[in-house]
Amino acid sequence: MSDDTVVILAGVRTPIASFRGSFASLGAVELAAKAGRTALERSGLSPNDIEETLVGAVLTANCGQNVARQVAIAIGA
């Protein structure tokens, strides 16, 4: 078993909007990346401090594979 310390820096969610509503122009990765950047800003950490990214997404059509990895790359982690 590893002795590494686990830290959850922040929990951030996106606002709820209607289908084809105010966020219709943003894909799941783009929207999650905005939340990720906000979490980083609130924590005071840099993207280099992030070792793992977990993302929960419901509607990910046309996003490709591994949304969490795409978000991590988008925020510079």
PDB file of N, CA and C in Angstrom:
ATOM      1  N   MET A   1       0.835  -1.176   0.000  1.00  0.00           N
ATOM      2  CA  MET A   1       0.000   0.000   0.000  1.00  0.00           C
ATOM      3  C   MET A   1       0.885   1.246   0.000  1.00  0.00           C
ATOM      4  N   SER A   2       0.507   2.227  -0.751  1.00  0.00           N
ATOM      5  CA  SER A   2       1.269   3.462  -0.890  1.00  0.00           C
ATOM      6  C   SER A   2       1.060   4.384   0.306  1.00  0.00           C
ATOM      7  N   ASP A   3       2.106   5.119   0.664  1.00  0.00           N
ATOM      8  CA  ASP A   3       2.012   6.124   1.726  1.00  0.00           C
ATOM      9  C   ASP A   3       1.784   7.520   1.166  1.00  0.00           C
ATOM     10  N   ASP A   4       1.489   7.625  -0.129  1.00  0.00           N
ATOM     11  CA  ASP A   4       1.261   8.930  -0.747  1.00  0.00           C
ATOM     12  C   ASP A   4       0.046   9.611  -0.130  1.00  0.00           C
ATOM     13  N   THR A   5       0.156  10.914   0.050  1.00  0.00           N
ATOM     14  CA  THR A   5      -0.958  11.701   0.562  1.00  0.00           C
ATOM     15  C   THR A   5      -1.904  12.035  -0.578  1.00  0.00           C
ATOM     16  N   VAL A   6      -3.187  11.883  -0.332  1.00  0.00           N
ATOM     17  CA  VAL A   6      -4.203  12.218  -1.323  1.00  0.00           C
ATOM     18  C   VAL A   6      -4.859  13.518  -0.899  1.00  0.00           C
ATOM     19  N   VAL A   7      -4.979  14.440  -1.844  1.00  0.00           N
ATOM     20  CA  VAL A   7      -5.593  15.737  -1.562  1.00  0.00           C
ATOM     21  C   VAL A   7      -6.658  16.012  -2.610  1.00  0.00           C
ATOM     22  N   ILE A   8      -7.851  16.333  -2.159  1.00  0.00           N
ATOM     23  CA  ILE A   8      -8.906  16.790  -3.061  1.00  0.00           C
ATOM     24  C   ILE A   8      -8.896  18.301  -2.973  1.00  0.00           C
ATOM     25  N   LEU A   9      -8.505  18.966  -4.061  1.00  0.00           N
ATOM     26  CA  LEU A   9      -8.310  20.409  -3.989  1.00  0.00           C
ATOM     27  C   LEU A   9      -9.608  21.180  -4.006  1.00  0.00           C
ATOM     28  N   ALA A  10     -10.594  20.726  -4.743  1.00  0.00           N
ATOM     29  CA  ALA A  10     -11.861  21.452  -4.802  1.00  0.00           C
ATOM     30  C   ALA A  10     -12.877  20.631  -5.569  1.00  0.00           C
ATOM     31  N   GLY A  11     -14.105  20.886  -5.265  1.00  0.00           N
ATOM     32  CA  GLY A  11     -15.193  20.323  -6.051  1.00  0.00           C
ATOM     33  C   GLY A  11     -15.908  21.475  -6.725  1.00  0.00           C
ATOM     34  N   VAL A  12     -15.942  21.465  -8.019  1.00  0.00           N
ATOM     35  CA  VAL A  12     -16.576  22.549  -8.772  1.00  0.00           C
ATOM     36  C   VAL A  12     -17.528  21.912  -9.767  1.00  0.00           C
ATOM     37  N   ARG A  13     -18.676  22.497  -9.914  1.00  0.00           N
ATOM     38  CA  ARG A  13     -19.620  21.977 -10.901  1.00  0.00           C
ATOM     39  C   ARG A  13     -20.027  23.100 -11.846  1.00  0.00           C
ATOM     40  N   THR A  14     -20.541  22.701 -12.956  1.00  0.00           N
ATOM     41  CA  THR A  14     -21.044  23.678 -13.916  1.00  0.00           C
ATOM     42  C   THR A  14     -22.488  24.006 -13.573  1.00  0.00           C
ATOM     43  N   PRO A  15     -22.976  25.162 -13.981  1.00  0.00           N
ATOM     44  CA  PRO A  15     -24.383  25.489 -13.745  1.00  0.00           C
ATOM     45  C   PRO A  15     -25.292  24.564 -14.554  1.00  0.00           C
ATOM     46  N   ILE A  16     -26.514  24.482 -14.139  1.00  0.00           N
ATOM     47  CA  ILE A  16     -27.500  23.678 -14.864  1.00  0.00           C
ATOM     48  C   ILE A  16     -28.205  24.578 -15.870  1.00  0.00           C
ATOM     49  N   ALA A  17     -28.338  24.099 -17.077  1.00  0.00           N
ATOM     50  CA  ALA A  17     -29.011  24.876 -18.127  1.00  0.00           C
ATOM     51  C   ALA A  17     -29.931  23.949 -18.911  1.00  0.00           C
ATOM     52  N   SER A  18     -30.830  24.521 -19.626  1.00  0.00           N
ATOM     53  CA  SER A  18     -31.756  23.752 -20.453  1.00  0.00           C
ATOM     54  C   SER A  18     -31.033  23.143 -21.644  1.00  0.00           C
ATOM     55  N   PHE A  19     -31.539  22.006 -22.117  1.00  0.00           N
ATOM     56  CA  PHE A  19     -31.005  21.389 -23.322  1.00  0.00           C
ATOM     57  C   PHE A  19     -31.095  22.390 -24.463  1.00  0.00           C
ATOM     58  N   ARG A  20     -30.000  22.555 -25.181  1.00  0.00           N
ATOM     59  CA  ARG A  20     -29.883  23.538 -26.270  1.00  0.00           C
ATOM     60  C   ARG A  20     -30.088  24.965 -25.771  1.00  0.00           C
ATOM     61  N   GLY A  21     -29.752  25.187 -24.496  1.00  0.00           N
ATOM     62  CA  GLY A  21     -29.915  26.506 -23.886  1.00  0.00           C
ATOM     63  C   GLY A  21     -28.632  27.319 -23.939  1.00  0.00           C
ATOM     64  N   SER A  22     -28.340  28.011 -22.850  1.00  0.00           N
ATOM     65  CA  SER A  22     -27.246  28.982 -22.825  1.00  0.00           C
ATOM     66  C   SER A  22     -25.858  28.376 -23.010  1.00  0.00           C
ATOM     67  N   PHE A  23     -25.696  27.073 -22.769  1.00  0.00           N
ATOM     68  CA  PHE A  23     -24.387  26.445 -22.945  1.00  0.00           C
ATOM     69  C   PHE A  23     -24.324  25.549 -24.178  1.00  0.00           C
ATOM     70  N   ALA A  24     -25.269  25.687 -25.073  1.00  0.00           N
ATOM     71  CA  ALA A  24     -25.346  24.809 -26.243  1.00  0.00           C
ATOM     72  C   ALA A  24     -24.101  24.879 -27.121  1.00  0.00           C
ATOM     73  N   SER A  25     -23.411  26.003 -27.119  1.00  0.00           N
ATOM     74  CA  SER A  25     -22.238  26.148 -27.985  1.00  0.00           C
ATOM     75  C   SER A  25     -20.983  25.519 -27.376  1.00  0.00           C
ATOM     76  N   LEU A  26     -21.051  25.082 -26.114  1.00  0.00           N
ATOM     77  CA  LEU A  26     -19.889  24.492 -25.451  1.00  0.00           C
ATOM     78  C   LEU A  26     -20.023  22.979 -25.387  1.00  0.00           C
ATOM     79  N   GLY A  27     -18.939  22.285 -25.696  1.00  0.00           N
ATOM     80  CA  GLY A  27     -18.918  20.838 -25.548  1.00  0.00           C
ATOM     81  C   GLY A  27     -18.639  20.462 -24.097  1.00  0.00           C
ATOM     82  N   ALA A  28     -18.795  19.188 -23.765  1.00  0.00           N
ATOM     83  CA  ALA A  28     -18.589  18.718 -22.394  1.00  0.00           C
ATOM     84  C   ALA A  28     -17.167  18.987 -21.910  1.00  0.00           C
ATOM     85  N   VAL A  29     -16.178  18.776 -22.762  1.00  0.00           N
ATOM     86  CA  VAL A  29     -14.785  18.995 -22.369  1.00  0.00           C
ATOM     87  C   VAL A  29     -14.533  20.474 -22.108  1.00  0.00           C
ATOM     88  N   GLU A  30     -15.015  21.325 -22.986  1.00  0.00           N
ATOM     89  CA  GLU A  30     -14.835  22.771 -22.833  1.00  0.00           C
ATOM     90  C   GLU A  30     -15.480  23.278 -21.539  1.00  0.00           C
ATOM     91  N   LEU A  31     -16.670  22.819 -21.267  1.00  0.00           N
ATOM     92  CA  LEU A  31     -17.390  23.237 -20.067  1.00  0.00           C
ATOM     93  C   LEU A  31     -16.694  22.711 -18.810  1.00  0.00           C
ATOM     94  N   ALA A  32     -16.260  21.456 -18.839  1.00  0.00           N
ATOM     95  CA  ALA A  32     -15.548  20.881 -17.693  1.00  0.00           C
ATOM     96  C   ALA A  32     -14.200  21.558 -17.479  1.00  0.00           C
ATOM     97  N   ALA A  33     -13.530  21.967 -18.557  1.00  0.00           N
ATOM     98  CA  ALA A  33     -12.253  22.670 -18.432  1.00  0.00           C
ATOM     99  C   ALA A  33     -12.445  24.016 -17.738  1.00  0.00           C
ATOM    100  N   LYS A  34     -13.552  24.696 -18.012  1.00  0.00           N
ATOM    101  CA  LYS A  34     -13.842  25.955 -17.318  1.00  0.00           C
ATOM    102  C   LYS A  34     -13.990  25.705 -15.820  1.00  0.00           C
ATOM    103  N   ALA A  35     -14.670  24.631 -15.452  1.00  0.00           N
ATOM    104  CA  ALA A  35     -14.810  24.272 -14.039  1.00  0.00           C
ATOM    105  C   ALA A  35     -13.448  23.912 -13.443  1.00  0.00           C
ATOM    106  N   GLY A  36     -12.629  23.203 -14.199  1.00  0.00           N
ATOM    107  CA  GLY A  36     -11.291  22.837 -13.734  1.00  0.00           C
ATOM    108  C   GLY A  36     -10.407  24.040 -13.494  1.00  0.00           C
ATOM    109  N   ARG A  37     -10.454  25.001 -14.394  1.00  0.00           N
ATOM    110  CA  ARG A  37      -9.672  26.231 -14.210  1.00  0.00           C
ATOM    111  C   ARG A  37     -10.136  26.984 -12.959  1.00  0.00           C
ATOM    112  N   THR A  38     -11.439  27.003 -12.741  1.00  0.00           N
ATOM    113  CA  THR A  38     -11.984  27.660 -11.552  1.00  0.00           C
ATOM    114  C   THR A  38     -11.507  26.955 -10.283  1.00  0.00           C
ATOM    115  N   ALA A  39     -11.500  25.627 -10.291  1.00  0.00           N
ATOM    116  CA  ALA A  39     -11.011  24.871  -9.133  1.00  0.00           C
ATOM    117  C   ALA A  39      -9.551  25.198  -8.853  1.00  0.00           C
ATOM    118  N   LEU A  40      -8.742  25.285  -9.904  1.00  0.00           N
ATOM    119  CA  LEU A  40      -7.331  25.640  -9.725  1.00  0.00           C
ATOM    120  C   LEU A  40      -7.183  27.047  -9.155  1.00  0.00           C
ATOM    121  N   GLU A  41      -7.927  27.998  -9.694  1.00  0.00           N
ATOM    122  CA  GLU A  41      -7.855  29.374  -9.200  1.00  0.00           C
ATOM    123  C   GLU A  41      -8.220  29.441  -7.722  1.00  0.00           C
ATOM    124  N   ARG A  42      -9.267  28.751  -7.332  1.00  0.00           N
ATOM    125  CA  ARG A  42      -9.727  28.770  -5.937  1.00  0.00           C
ATOM    126  C   ARG A  42      -8.726  28.112  -4.998  1.00  0.00           C
ATOM    127  N   SER A  43      -8.021  27.114  -5.488  1.00  0.00           N
ATOM    128  CA  SER A  43      -7.090  26.371  -4.638  1.00  0.00           C
ATOM    129  C   SER A  43      -5.753  27.075  -4.472  1.00  0.00           C
ATOM    130  N   GLY A  44      -5.392  27.904  -5.444  1.00  0.00           N
ATOM    131  CA  GLY A  44      -4.082  28.547  -5.404  1.00  0.00           C
ATOM    132  C   GLY A  44      -2.961  27.647  -5.905  1.00  0.00           C
ATOM    133  N   LEU A  45      -3.289  26.468  -6.408  1.00  0.00           N
ATOM    134  CA  LEU A  45      -2.283  25.551  -6.945  1.00  0.00           C
ATOM    135  C   LEU A  45      -2.045  25.835  -8.419  1.00  0.00           C
ATOM    136  N   SER A  46      -0.943  25.310  -8.932  1.00  0.00           N
ATOM    137  CA  SER A  46      -0.670  25.440 -10.362  1.00  0.00           C
ATOM    138  C   SER A  46      -1.043  24.127 -11.044  1.00  0.00           C
ATOM    139  N   PRO A  47      -1.244  24.160 -12.352  1.00  0.00           N
ATOM    140  CA  PRO A  47      -1.546  22.919 -13.073  1.00  0.00           C
ATOM    141  C   PRO A  47      -0.472  21.843 -12.885  1.00  0.00           C
ATOM    142  N   ASN A  48       0.774  22.254 -12.646  1.00  0.00           N
ATOM    143  CA  ASN A  48       1.859  21.285 -12.447  1.00  0.00           C
ATOM    144  C   ASN A  48       1.701  20.486 -11.159  1.00  0.00           C
ATOM    145  N   ASP A  49       0.881  20.975 -10.225  1.00  0.00           N
ATOM    146  CA  ASP A  49       0.654  20.270  -8.969  1.00  0.00           C
ATOM    147  C   ASP A  49      -0.351  19.127  -9.109  1.00  0.00           C
ATOM    148  N   ILE A  50      -1.054  19.062 -10.218  1.00  0.00           N
ATOM    149  CA  ILE A  50      -2.111  18.072 -10.418  1.00  0.00           C
ATOM    150  C   ILE A  50      -1.518  16.777 -10.963  1.00  0.00           C
ATOM    151  N   GLU A  51      -1.775  15.667 -10.272  1.00  0.00           N
ATOM    152  CA  GLU A  51      -1.296  14.363 -10.722  1.00  0.00           C
ATOM    153  C   GLU A  51      -2.403  13.510 -11.321  1.00  0.00           C
ATOM    154  N   GLU A  52      -3.639  13.767 -10.932  1.00  0.00           N
ATOM    155  CA  GLU A  52      -4.753  12.966 -11.437  1.00  0.00           C
ATOM    156  C   GLU A  52      -5.998  13.839 -11.494  1.00  0.00           C
ATOM    157  N   THR A  53      -6.811  13.630 -12.514  1.00  0.00           N
ATOM    158  CA  THR A  53      -8.034  14.408 -12.688  1.00  0.00           C
ATOM    159  C   THR A  53      -9.209  13.456 -12.832  1.00  0.00           C
ATOM    160  N   LEU A  54     -10.255  13.707 -12.059  1.00  0.00           N
ATOM    161  CA  LEU A  54     -11.487  12.923 -12.158  1.00  0.00           C
ATOM    162  C   LEU A  54     -12.597  13.851 -12.618  1.00  0.00           C
ATOM    163  N   VAL A  55     -13.365  13.400 -13.599  1.00  0.00           N
ATOM    164  CA  VAL A  55     -14.445  14.214 -14.155  1.00  0.00           C
ATOM    165  C   VAL A  55     -15.680  13.345 -14.288  1.00  0.00           C
ATOM    166  N   GLY A  56     -16.804  13.871 -13.869  1.00  0.00           N
ATOM    167  CA  GLY A  56     -18.078  13.195 -14.085  1.00  0.00           C
ATOM    168  C   GLY A  56     -18.836  13.934 -15.172  1.00  0.00           C
ATOM    169  N   ALA A  57     -19.244  13.237 -16.202  1.00  0.00           N
ATOM    170  CA  ALA A  57     -19.966  13.865 -17.307  1.00  0.00           C
ATOM    171  C   ALA A  57     -21.076  12.926 -17.766  1.00  0.00           C
ATOM    172  N   VAL A  58     -22.247  13.482 -18.020  1.00  0.00           N
ATOM    173  CA  VAL A  58     -23.392  12.662 -18.410  1.00  0.00           C
ATOM    174  C   VAL A  58     -23.520  12.578 -19.925  1.00  0.00           C
ATOM    175  N   LEU A  59     -23.615  13.702 -20.586  1.00  0.00           N
ATOM    176  CA  LEU A  59     -23.795  13.717 -22.045  1.00  0.00           C
ATOM    177  C   LEU A  59     -22.473  14.068 -22.712  1.00  0.00           C
ATOM    178  N   THR A  60     -21.771  13.053 -23.182  1.00  0.00           N
ATOM    179  CA  THR A  60     -20.440  13.272 -23.753  1.00  0.00           C
ATOM    180  C   THR A  60     -20.361  12.904 -25.231  1.00  0.00           C
ATOM    181  N   ALA A  61     -21.474  12.918 -25.921  1.00  0.00           N
ATOM    182  CA  ALA A  61     -21.474  12.574 -27.347  1.00  0.00           C
ATOM    183  C   ALA A  61     -20.516  13.483 -28.108  1.00  0.00           C
ATOM    184  N   ASN A  62     -19.799  12.901 -29.036  1.00  0.00           N
ATOM    185  CA  ASN A  62     -18.846  13.620 -29.896  1.00  0.00           C
ATOM    186  C   ASN A  62     -17.665  14.209 -29.138  1.00  0.00           C
ATOM    187  N   CYS A  63     -17.351  13.659 -27.966  1.00  0.00           N
ATOM    188  CA  CYS A  63     -16.217  14.164 -27.182  1.00  0.00           C
ATOM    189  C   CYS A  63     -14.971  13.311 -27.347  1.00  0.00           C
ATOM    190  N   GLY A  64     -15.088  12.173 -27.963  1.00  0.00           N
ATOM    191  CA  GLY A  64     -13.949  11.279 -28.033  1.00  0.00           C
ATOM    192  C   GLY A  64     -13.828  10.481 -26.749  1.00  0.00           C
ATOM    193  N   GLN A  65     -12.675   9.871 -26.561  1.00  0.00           N
ATOM    194  CA  GLN A  65     -12.477   9.017 -25.395  1.00  0.00           C
ATOM    195  C   GLN A  65     -11.809   9.776 -24.259  1.00  0.00           C
ATOM    196  N   ASN A  66     -12.014   9.300 -23.057  1.00  0.00           N
ATOM    197  CA  ASN A  66     -11.352   9.775 -21.845  1.00  0.00           C
ATOM    198  C   ASN A  66     -11.496  11.286 -21.644  1.00  0.00           C
ATOM    199  N   VAL A  67     -12.690  11.693 -21.311  1.00  0.00           N
ATOM    200  CA  VAL A  67     -13.005  13.110 -21.107  1.00  0.00           C
ATOM    201  C   VAL A  67     -12.118  13.710 -20.023  1.00  0.00           C
ATOM    202  N   ALA A  68     -11.857  12.967 -18.941  1.00  0.00           N
ATOM    203  CA  ALA A  68     -11.025  13.498 -17.851  1.00  0.00           C
ATOM    204  C   ALA A  68      -9.627  13.850 -18.347  1.00  0.00           C
ATOM    205  N   ARG A  69      -9.056  13.021 -19.204  1.00  0.00           N
ATOM    206  CA  ARG A  69      -7.719  13.323 -19.745  1.00  0.00           C
ATOM    207  C   ARG A  69      -7.765  14.562 -20.623  1.00  0.00           C
ATOM    208  N   GLN A  70      -8.787  14.694 -21.436  1.00  0.00           N
ATOM    209  CA  GLN A  70      -8.915  15.873 -22.285  1.00  0.00           C
ATOM    210  C   GLN A  70      -9.031  17.142 -21.440  1.00  0.00           C
ATOM    211  N   VAL A  71      -9.776  17.058 -20.339  1.00  0.00           N
ATOM    212  CA  VAL A  71      -9.920  18.211 -19.444  1.00  0.00           C
ATOM    213  C   VAL A  71      -8.581  18.536 -18.791  1.00  0.00           C
ATOM    214  N   ALA A  72      -7.868  17.519 -18.320  1.00  0.00           N
ATOM    215  CA  ALA A  72      -6.561  17.742 -17.698  1.00  0.00           C
ATOM    216  C   ALA A  72      -5.613  18.445 -18.662  1.00  0.00           C
ATOM    217  N   ILE A  73      -5.601  18.019 -19.900  1.00  0.00           N
ATOM    218  CA  ILE A  73      -4.751  18.662 -20.910  1.00  0.00           C
ATOM    219  C   ILE A  73      -5.196  20.101 -21.137  1.00  0.00           C
ATOM    220  N   ALA A  74      -6.499  20.329 -21.184  1.00  0.00           N
ATOM    221  CA  ALA A  74      -7.025  21.680 -21.426  1.00  0.00           C
ATOM    222  C   ALA A  74      -6.669  22.655 -20.309  1.00  0.00           C
ATOM    223  N   ILE A  75      -6.540  22.152 -19.071  1.00  0.00           N
ATOM    224  CA  ILE A  75      -6.192  23.056 -17.964  1.00  0.00           C
ATOM    225  C   ILE A  75      -4.691  23.088 -17.699  1.00  0.00           C
ATOM    226  N   GLY A  76      -3.938  22.341 -18.499  1.00  0.00           N
ATOM    227  CA  GLY A  76      -2.484  22.373 -18.391  1.00  0.00           C
ATOM    228  C   GLY A  76      -1.904  21.424 -17.363  1.00  0.00           C
ATOM    229  N   ALA A  77      -2.710  20.482 -16.876  1.00  0.00           N
ATOM    230  CA  ALA A  77      -2.224  19.544 -15.847  1.00  0.00           C
ATOM    231  C   ALA A  77      -1.479  18.384 -16.477  1.00  0.00           C
TER     232      ALA A  77
END
